[in-house]
Amino acid sequence: MIHYQVRCSQAHEFDGWFKDSAGFERQAARGLISCPVCGDTKIARALMAPALGRKGAAPAEAPEATPAVPAAPIPPMPAAPPSGPTAVAGQMPDHVRAMLQRLRGEVERNCDYVGPGFAEEARRIHNGEAPARGIYGETTPEQAESLAEDGIGFSRIPWVPRADG
Protein backbone atom coordinates (compact mmCIF):
# COMPACT_ATOMS: atom_id res chain seq x y z
CA MET A 1 0.00 0.00 0.00
CA ILE A 2 1.12 3.53 -0.75
CA HIS A 3 -0.11 6.67 0.95
CA TYR A 4 -0.55 9.87 -1.04
CA GLN A 5 -1.64 13.32 -0.09
CA VAL A 6 -3.94 14.29 -2.98
CA ARG A 7 -5.51 17.55 -4.09
CA CYS A 8 -8.55 18.39 -6.20
CA SER A 9 -8.66 21.23 -8.74
CA GLN A 10 -10.33 23.37 -6.06
CA ALA A 11 -7.19 22.99 -3.83
CA HIS A 12 -8.85 20.74 -1.20
CA GLU A 13 -6.29 18.23 0.12
CA PHE A 14 -7.01 14.78 1.54
CA ASP A 15 -5.28 11.44 2.13
CA GLY A 16 -5.52 8.41 -0.10
CA TRP A 17 -4.21 4.85 0.17
CA PHE A 18 -3.55 2.93 -3.04
CA LYS A 19 -2.18 -0.48 -3.99
CA ASP A 20 0.65 1.20 -5.88
CA SER A 21 1.46 4.31 -7.92
CA ALA A 22 -0.07 2.79 -11.06
CA GLY A 23 -3.27 2.08 -9.12
CA PHE A 24 -3.54 5.74 -8.18
CA GLU A 25 -2.90 6.83 -11.79
CA ARG A 26 -5.56 4.45 -13.18
CA GLN A 27 -8.19 5.51 -10.66
CA ALA A 28 -7.46 9.22 -11.11
CA ALA A 29 -7.57 8.94 -14.93
CA ARG A 30 -10.96 7.19 -14.79
CA GLY A 31 -12.40 9.77 -12.37
CA LEU A 32 -12.86 7.19 -9.62
CA ILE A 33 -11.31 9.38 -6.92
CA SER A 34 -13.40 12.29 -5.73
CA CYS A 35 -12.80 15.09 -3.29
CA PRO A 36 -14.68 14.50 -0.02
CA VAL A 37 -15.27 18.26 0.28
CA CYS A 38 -16.62 19.22 -3.15
CA GLY A 39 -16.94 15.97 -5.13
CA ASP A 40 -14.43 17.12 -7.80
CA THR A 41 -12.83 14.23 -9.72
CA LYS A 42 -9.88 16.22 -11.14
CA ILE A 43 -7.37 14.81 -8.67
CA ALA A 44 -3.57 15.01 -8.57
CA ARG A 45 -0.92 14.10 -6.04
CA ALA A 46 -0.01 16.95 -3.69
CA LEU A 47 3.50 17.63 -2.45
CA MET A 48 4.37 15.51 0.56
CA ALA A 49 7.33 15.36 2.88
CA PRO A 50 9.22 12.10 2.34
CA ALA A 51 9.02 9.46 5.05
CA LEU A 52 12.61 9.06 6.15
CA GLY A 53 13.65 6.32 8.53
CA ARG A 54 16.11 7.00 11.33
CA LYS A 55 19.39 5.17 11.34
CA GLY A 56 19.02 1.98 13.35
CA ALA A 57 15.26 2.39 13.69
CA ALA A 58 13.06 -0.61 13.00
CA PRO A 59 11.24 -0.37 9.67
CA ALA A 60 7.70 0.94 9.93
CA GLU A 61 5.01 -1.65 9.43
CA ALA A 62 2.42 -1.16 6.74
CA PRO A 63 -1.05 -0.42 8.08
CA GLU A 64 -3.30 -3.43 8.38
CA ALA A 65 -5.89 -3.80 5.68
CA THR A 66 -9.37 -2.83 6.73
CA PRO A 67 -11.67 -5.84 6.53
CA ALA A 68 -14.48 -5.66 4.04
CA VAL A 69 -17.82 -4.90 5.60
CA PRO A 70 -20.68 -7.05 4.33
CA ALA A 71 -23.51 -5.18 2.68
CA ALA A 72 -26.24 -4.38 5.15
CA PRO A 73 -29.47 -2.43 4.95
CA ILE A 74 -29.10 1.27 5.61
CA PRO A 75 -32.13 3.21 6.83
CA PRO A 76 -33.73 5.24 4.04
CA MET A 77 -33.04 8.95 3.80
CA PRO A 78 -35.37 11.56 2.35
CA ALA A 79 -34.87 12.15 -1.38
CA ALA A 80 -34.14 15.82 -0.76
CA PRO A 81 -33.38 17.84 2.34
CA PRO A 82 -36.27 19.71 3.88
CA SER A 83 -36.62 23.35 2.92
CA GLY A 84 -37.59 26.44 4.80
CA PRO A 85 -36.32 28.19 7.90
CA THR A 86 -36.23 25.04 10.06
CA ALA A 87 -34.15 23.08 7.53
CA VAL A 88 -30.76 24.60 8.38
CA ALA A 89 -29.86 22.08 11.12
CA GLY A 90 -30.86 19.04 9.04
CA GLN A 91 -29.73 20.21 5.59
CA MET A 92 -27.49 17.89 3.62
CA PRO A 93 -24.06 19.42 2.92
CA ASP A 94 -23.47 20.23 -0.76
CA HIS A 95 -20.43 17.94 -1.03
CA VAL A 96 -22.44 15.00 0.32
CA ARG A 97 -25.27 15.70 -2.11
CA ALA A 98 -22.74 15.92 -4.98
CA MET A 99 -21.23 12.54 -4.07
CA LEU A 100 -24.67 10.93 -3.78
CA GLN A 101 -25.66 12.37 -7.16
CA ARG A 102 -22.51 10.83 -8.70
CA LEU A 103 -23.35 7.52 -7.03
CA ARG A 104 -26.89 7.66 -8.41
CA GLY A 105 -25.54 8.31 -11.91
CA GLU A 106 -23.18 5.31 -11.66
CA VAL A 107 -25.99 3.06 -10.44
CA GLU A 108 -28.33 4.19 -13.23
CA ARG A 109 -25.63 3.70 -15.90
CA ASN A 110 -24.40 0.31 -14.71
CA CYS A 111 -27.37 -1.48 -13.15
CA ASP A 112 -30.82 -2.64 -14.26
CA TYR A 113 -33.87 -0.95 -12.76
CA VAL A 114 -36.29 -3.61 -11.50
CA GLY A 115 -38.74 -1.32 -9.70
CA PRO A 116 -40.81 -2.67 -6.82
CA GLY A 117 -39.73 -6.22 -7.77
CA PHE A 118 -36.26 -5.64 -6.30
CA ALA A 119 -36.50 -8.22 -3.49
CA GLU A 120 -37.85 -10.91 -5.81
CA GLU A 121 -35.17 -10.29 -8.47
CA ALA A 122 -32.37 -10.12 -5.88
CA ARG A 123 -33.53 -13.50 -4.54
CA ARG A 124 -33.65 -14.96 -8.09
CA ILE A 125 -30.09 -13.75 -8.78
CA HIS A 126 -28.89 -15.13 -5.43
CA ASN A 127 -30.45 -18.52 -6.19
CA GLY A 128 -28.96 -18.64 -9.72
CA GLU A 129 -32.39 -18.40 -11.39
CA ALA A 130 -31.52 -15.10 -13.10
CA PRO A 131 -28.23 -13.82 -14.55
CA ALA A 132 -25.89 -12.16 -12.06
CA ARG A 133 -25.91 -8.40 -12.56
CA GLY A 134 -26.31 -5.15 -10.67
CA ILE A 135 -29.89 -4.17 -10.01
CA TYR A 136 -31.69 -1.36 -8.22
CA GLY A 137 -35.28 -0.68 -7.29
CA GLU A 138 -37.62 -0.37 -4.34
CA THR A 139 -38.35 -2.72 -1.47
CA THR A 140 -40.39 -2.60 1.71
CA PRO A 141 -38.66 -2.71 5.10
CA GLU A 142 -40.07 -6.23 5.59
CA GLN A 143 -38.66 -7.43 2.24
CA ALA A 144 -35.27 -5.87 3.05
CA GLU A 145 -35.22 -7.61 6.43
CA SER A 146 -36.06 -10.94 4.79
CA LEU A 147 -33.24 -10.54 2.24
CA ALA A 148 -30.76 -9.74 5.01
CA GLU A 149 -31.91 -12.73 7.09
CA ASP A 150 -31.38 -15.00 4.07
CA GLY A 151 -27.83 -13.68 3.59
CA ILE A 152 -28.58 -11.88 0.33
CA GLY A 153 -26.22 -8.91 0.11
CA PHE A 154 -27.65 -5.53 -0.81
CA SER A 155 -27.32 -1.92 0.28
CA ARG A 156 -29.75 0.91 0.65
CA ILE A 157 -28.53 4.30 -0.45
CA PRO A 158 -30.07 7.75 -0.11
CA TRP A 159 -31.69 8.48 -3.48
CA VAL A 160 -31.15 12.19 -4.08
CA PRO A 161 -32.51 14.15 -7.07
CA ARG A 162 -30.32 14.03 -10.20
CA ALA A 163 -27.66 16.70 -10.57
CA ASP A 164 -29.07 17.64 -13.98
CA GLY A 165 -32.63 18.11 -12.95
C-alpha atoms as a PDB file:
ATOM      1  CA  MET A   1       0.000   0.000   0.000  1.00  0.00           C
ATOM      2  CA  ILE A   2       1.121   3.525  -0.754  1.00  0.00           C
ATOM      3  CA  HIS A   3      -0.112   6.673   0.946  1.00  0.00           C
ATOM      4  CA  TYR A   4      -0.550   9.871  -1.040  1.00  0.00           C
ATOM      5  CA  GLN A   5      -1.644  13.324  -0.086  1.00  0.00           C
ATOM      6  CA  VAL A   6      -3.938  14.287  -2.982  1.00  0.00           C
ATOM      7  CA  ARG A   7      -5.512  17.554  -4.085  1.00  0.00           C
ATOM      8  CA  CYS A   8      -8.548  18.391  -6.204  1.00  0.00           C
ATOM      9  CA  SER A   9      -8.656  21.228  -8.738  1.00  0.00           C
ATOM     10  CA  GLN A  10     -10.332  23.374  -6.059  1.00  0.00           C
ATOM     11  CA  ALA A  11      -7.192  22.986  -3.827  1.00  0.00           C
ATOM     12  CA  HIS A  12      -8.847  20.744  -1.197  1.00  0.00           C
ATOM     13  CA  GLU A  13      -6.289  18.235   0.118  1.00  0.00           C
ATOM     14  CA  PHE A  14      -7.009  14.780   1.536  1.00  0.00           C
ATOM     15  CA  ASP A  15      -5.281  11.440   2.133  1.00  0.00           C
ATOM     16  CA  GLY A  16      -5.515   8.408  -0.104  1.00  0.00           C
ATOM     17  CA  TRP A  17      -4.213   4.849   0.170  1.00  0.00           C
ATOM     18  CA  PHE A  18      -3.551   2.927  -3.038  1.00  0.00           C
ATOM     19  CA  LYS A  19      -2.177  -0.475  -3.987  1.00  0.00           C
ATOM     20  CA  ASP A  20       0.651   1.198  -5.877  1.00  0.00           C
ATOM     21  CA  SER A  21       1.461   4.310  -7.922  1.00  0.00           C
ATOM     22  CA  ALA A  22      -0.065   2.792 -11.065  1.00  0.00           C
ATOM     23  CA  GLY A  23      -3.275   2.078  -9.125  1.00  0.00           C
ATOM     24  CA  PHE A  24      -3.539   5.740  -8.182  1.00  0.00           C
ATOM     25  CA  GLU A  25      -2.896   6.828 -11.787  1.00  0.00           C
ATOM     26  CA  ARG A  26      -5.560   4.445 -13.183  1.00  0.00           C
ATOM     27  CA  GLN A  27      -8.191   5.510 -10.657  1.00  0.00           C
ATOM     28  CA  ALA A  28      -7.459   9.218 -11.112  1.00  0.00           C
ATOM     29  CA  ALA A  29      -7.568   8.938 -14.930  1.00  0.00           C
ATOM     30  CA  ARG A  30     -10.958   7.190 -14.789  1.00  0.00           C
ATOM     31  CA  GLY A  31     -12.405   9.774 -12.369  1.00  0.00           C
ATOM     32  CA  LEU A  32     -12.856   7.187  -9.620  1.00  0.00           C
ATOM     33  CA  ILE A  33     -11.314   9.375  -6.920  1.00  0.00           C
ATOM     34  CA  SER A  34     -13.397  12.287  -5.728  1.00  0.00           C
ATOM     35  CA  CYS A  35     -12.797  15.092  -3.286  1.00  0.00           C
ATOM     36  CA  PRO A  36     -14.675  14.503  -0.023  1.00  0.00           C
ATOM     37  CA  VAL A  37     -15.267  18.257   0.285  1.00  0.00           C
ATOM     38  CA  CYS A  38     -16.624  19.221  -3.147  1.00  0.00           C
ATOM     39  CA  GLY A  39     -16.936  15.973  -5.134  1.00  0.00           C
ATOM     40  CA  ASP A  40     -14.431  17.118  -7.796  1.00  0.00           C
ATOM     41  CA  THR A  41     -12.827  14.233  -9.718  1.00  0.00           C
ATOM     42  CA  LYS A  42      -9.878  16.223 -11.141  1.00  0.00           C
ATOM     43  CA  ILE A  43      -7.371  14.812  -8.672  1.00  0.00           C
ATOM     44  CA  ALA A  44      -3.567  15.008  -8.574  1.00  0.00           C
ATOM     45  CA  ARG A  45      -0.924  14.105  -6.036  1.00  0.00           C
ATOM     46  CA  ALA A  46      -0.014  16.949  -3.693  1.00  0.00           C
ATOM     47  CA  LEU A  47       3.496  17.630  -2.451  1.00  0.00           C
ATOM     48  CA  MET A  48       4.372  15.507   0.556  1.00  0.00           C
ATOM     49  CA  ALA A  49       7.326  15.359   2.877  1.00  0.00           C
ATOM     50  CA  PRO A  50       9.215  12.100   2.340  1.00  0.00           C
ATOM     51  CA  ALA A  51       9.015   9.457   5.046  1.00  0.00           C
ATOM     52  CA  LEU A  52      12.608   9.056   6.149  1.00  0.00           C
ATOM     53  CA  GLY A  53      13.645   6.322   8.528  1.00  0.00           C
ATOM     54  CA  ARG A  54      16.108   7.001  11.329  1.00  0.00           C
ATOM     55  CA  LYS A  55      19.389   5.169  11.339  1.00  0.00           C
ATOM     56  CA  GLY A  56      19.015   1.978  13.349  1.00  0.00           C
ATOM     57  CA  ALA A  57      15.259   2.392  13.694  1.00  0.00           C
ATOM     58  CA  ALA A  58      13.061  -0.608  12.997  1.00  0.00           C
ATOM     59  CA  PRO A  59      11.236  -0.370   9.669  1.00  0.00           C
ATOM     60  CA  ALA A  60       7.697   0.940   9.935  1.00  0.00           C
ATOM     61  CA  GLU A  61       5.008  -1.650   9.433  1.00  0.00           C
ATOM     62  CA  ALA A  62       2.421  -1.155   6.744  1.00  0.00           C
ATOM     63  CA  PRO A  63      -1.052  -0.425   8.076  1.00  0.00           C
ATOM     64  CA  GLU A  64      -3.302  -3.433   8.376  1.00  0.00           C
ATOM     65  CA  ALA A  65      -5.892  -3.802   5.677  1.00  0.00           C
ATOM     66  CA  THR A  66      -9.370  -2.826   6.729  1.00  0.00           C
ATOM     67  CA  PRO A  67     -11.668  -5.838   6.529  1.00  0.00           C
ATOM     68  CA  ALA A  68     -14.483  -5.656   4.038  1.00  0.00           C
ATOM     69  CA  VAL A  69     -17.818  -4.895   5.598  1.00  0.00           C
ATOM     70  CA  PRO A  70     -20.681  -7.047   4.333  1.00  0.00           C
ATOM     71  CA  ALA A  71     -23.507  -5.181   2.682  1.00  0.00           C
ATOM     72  CA  ALA A  72     -26.240  -4.381   5.155  1.00  0.00           C
ATOM     73  CA  PRO A  73     -29.471  -2.434   4.949  1.00  0.00           C
ATOM     74  CA  ILE A  74     -29.101   1.268   5.610  1.00  0.00           C
ATOM     75  CA  PRO A  75     -32.130   3.207   6.828  1.00  0.00           C
ATOM     76  CA  PRO A  76     -33.734   5.242   4.040  1.00  0.00           C
ATOM     77  CA  MET A  77     -33.042   8.945   3.805  1.00  0.00           C
ATOM     78  CA  PRO A  78     -35.367  11.563   2.354  1.00  0.00           C
ATOM     79  CA  ALA A  79     -34.872  12.148  -1.383  1.00  0.00           C
ATOM     80  CA  ALA A  80     -34.137  15.816  -0.760  1.00  0.00           C
ATOM     81  CA  PRO A  81     -33.375  17.839   2.338  1.00  0.00           C
ATOM     82  CA  PRO A  82     -36.266  19.713   3.883  1.00  0.00           C
ATOM     83  CA  SER A  83     -36.615  23.348   2.915  1.00  0.00           C
ATOM     84  CA  GLY A  84     -37.592  26.437   4.802  1.00  0.00           C
ATOM     85  CA  PRO A  85     -36.324  28.185   7.902  1.00  0.00           C
ATOM     86  CA  THR A  86     -36.226  25.038  10.061  1.00  0.00           C
ATOM     87  CA  ALA A  87     -34.153  23.082   7.535  1.00  0.00           C
ATOM     88  CA  VAL A  88     -30.762  24.597   8.380  1.00  0.00           C
ATOM     89  CA  ALA A  89     -29.863  22.084  11.120  1.00  0.00           C
ATOM     90  CA  GLY A  90     -30.861  19.039   9.041  1.00  0.00           C
ATOM     91  CA  GLN A  91     -29.735  20.211   5.589  1.00  0.00           C
ATOM     92  CA  MET A  92     -27.490  17.885   3.621  1.00  0.00           C
ATOM     93  CA  PRO A  93     -24.057  19.422   2.925  1.00  0.00           C
ATOM     94  CA  ASP A  94     -23.473  20.230  -0.761  1.00  0.00           C
ATOM     95  CA  HIS A  95     -20.430  17.943  -1.033  1.00  0.00           C
ATOM     96  CA  VAL A  96     -22.439  14.998   0.325  1.00  0.00           C
ATOM     97  CA  ARG A  97     -25.271  15.699  -2.110  1.00  0.00           C
ATOM     98  CA  ALA A  98     -22.737  15.917  -4.982  1.00  0.00           C
ATOM     99  CA  MET A  99     -21.232  12.540  -4.073  1.00  0.00           C
ATOM    100  CA  LEU A 100     -24.673  10.931  -3.779  1.00  0.00           C
ATOM    101  CA  GLN A 101     -25.656  12.374  -7.163  1.00  0.00           C
ATOM    102  CA  ARG A 102     -22.513  10.830  -8.701  1.00  0.00           C
ATOM    103  CA  LEU A 103     -23.349   7.523  -7.031  1.00  0.00           C
ATOM    104  CA  ARG A 104     -26.893   7.665  -8.405  1.00  0.00           C
ATOM    105  CA  GLY A 105     -25.538   8.311 -11.912  1.00  0.00           C
ATOM    106  CA  GLU A 106     -23.182   5.309 -11.659  1.00  0.00           C
ATOM    107  CA  VAL A 107     -25.988   3.055 -10.435  1.00  0.00           C
ATOM    108  CA  GLU A 108     -28.331   4.191 -13.229  1.00  0.00           C
ATOM    109  CA  ARG A 109     -25.634   3.697 -15.902  1.00  0.00           C
ATOM    110  CA  ASN A 110     -24.397   0.306 -14.713  1.00  0.00           C
ATOM    111  CA  CYS A 111     -27.375  -1.475 -13.146  1.00  0.00           C
ATOM    112  CA  ASP A 112     -30.818  -2.644 -14.261  1.00  0.00           C
ATOM    113  CA  TYR A 113     -33.869  -0.949 -12.757  1.00  0.00           C
ATOM    114  CA  VAL A 114     -36.287  -3.615 -11.502  1.00  0.00           C
ATOM    115  CA  GLY A 115     -38.742  -1.322  -9.700  1.00  0.00           C
ATOM    116  CA  PRO A 116     -40.814  -2.672  -6.817  1.00  0.00           C
ATOM    117  CA  GLY A 117     -39.727  -6.215  -7.769  1.00  0.00           C
ATOM    118  CA  PHE A 118     -36.257  -5.641  -6.300  1.00  0.00           C
ATOM    119  CA  ALA A 119     -36.504  -8.217  -3.490  1.00  0.00           C
ATOM    120  CA  GLU A 120     -37.851 -10.910  -5.813  1.00  0.00           C
ATOM    121  CA  GLU A 121     -35.174 -10.287  -8.474  1.00  0.00           C
ATOM    122  CA  ALA A 122     -32.369 -10.124  -5.877  1.00  0.00           C
ATOM    123  CA  ARG A 123     -33.525 -13.496  -4.538  1.00  0.00           C
ATOM    124  CA  ARG A 124     -33.647 -14.963  -8.091  1.00  0.00           C
ATOM    125  CA  ILE A 125     -30.089 -13.747  -8.782  1.00  0.00           C
ATOM    126  CA  HIS A 126     -28.895 -15.128  -5.433  1.00  0.00           C
ATOM    127  CA  ASN A 127     -30.449 -18.519  -6.193  1.00  0.00           C
ATOM    128  CA  GLY A 128     -28.964 -18.645  -9.724  1.00  0.00           C
ATOM    129  CA  GLU A 129     -32.385 -18.403 -11.395  1.00  0.00           C
ATOM    130  CA  ALA A 130     -31.516 -15.096 -13.100  1.00  0.00           C
ATOM    131  CA  PRO A 131     -28.230 -13.819 -14.550  1.00  0.00           C
ATOM    132  CA  ALA A 132     -25.887 -12.157 -12.057  1.00  0.00           C
ATOM    133  CA  ARG A 133     -25.908  -8.404 -12.559  1.00  0.00           C
ATOM    134  CA  GLY A 134     -26.307  -5.152 -10.673  1.00  0.00           C
ATOM    135  CA  ILE A 135     -29.888  -4.165 -10.013  1.00  0.00           C
ATOM    136  CA  TYR A 136     -31.694  -1.362  -8.222  1.00  0.00           C
ATOM    137  CA  GLY A 137     -35.276  -0.680  -7.290  1.00  0.00           C
ATOM    138  CA  GLU A 138     -37.621  -0.369  -4.343  1.00  0.00           C
ATOM    139  CA  THR A 139     -38.353  -2.719  -1.473  1.00  0.00           C
ATOM    140  CA  THR A 140     -40.386  -2.603   1.708  1.00  0.00           C
ATOM    141  CA  PRO A 141     -38.658  -2.709   5.103  1.00  0.00           C
ATOM    142  CA  GLU A 142     -40.070  -6.228   5.585  1.00  0.00           C
ATOM    143  CA  GLN A 143     -38.659  -7.431   2.243  1.00  0.00           C
ATOM    144  CA  ALA A 144     -35.274  -5.871   3.048  1.00  0.00           C
ATOM    145  CA  GLU A 145     -35.217  -7.614   6.431  1.00  0.00           C
ATOM    146  CA  SER A 146     -36.058 -10.944   4.788  1.00  0.00           C
ATOM    147  CA  LEU A 147     -33.245 -10.536   2.236  1.00  0.00           C
ATOM    148  CA  ALA A 148     -30.763  -9.738   5.011  1.00  0.00           C
ATOM    149  CA  GLU A 149     -31.914 -12.728   7.091  1.00  0.00           C
ATOM    150  CA  ASP A 150     -31.377 -14.997   4.073  1.00  0.00           C
ATOM    151  CA  GLY A 151     -27.828 -13.685   3.591  1.00  0.00           C
ATOM    152  CA  ILE A 152     -28.579 -11.881   0.334  1.00  0.00           C
ATOM    153  CA  GLY A 153     -26.219  -8.913   0.108  1.00  0.00           C
ATOM    154  CA  PHE A 154     -27.650  -5.526  -0.809  1.00  0.00           C
ATOM    155  CA  SER A 155     -27.322  -1.923   0.281  1.00  0.00           C
ATOM    156  CA  ARG A 156     -29.747   0.910   0.650  1.00  0.00           C
ATOM    157  CA  ILE A 157     -28.528   4.303  -0.448  1.00  0.00           C
ATOM    158  CA  PRO A 158     -30.070   7.748  -0.112  1.00  0.00           C
ATOM    159  CA  TRP A 159     -31.689   8.475  -3.475  1.00  0.00           C
ATOM    160  CA  VAL A 160     -31.152  12.191  -4.079  1.00  0.00           C
ATOM    161  CA  PRO A 161     -32.515  14.150  -7.069  1.00  0.00           C
ATOM    162  CA  ARG A 162     -30.323  14.025 -10.202  1.00  0.00           C
ATOM    163  CA  ALA A 163     -27.664  16.701 -10.566  1.00  0.00           C
ATOM    164  CA  ASP A 164     -29.068  17.643 -13.984  1.00  0.00           C
ATOM    165  CA  GLY A 165     -32.635  18.105 -12.953  1.00  0.00           C
END
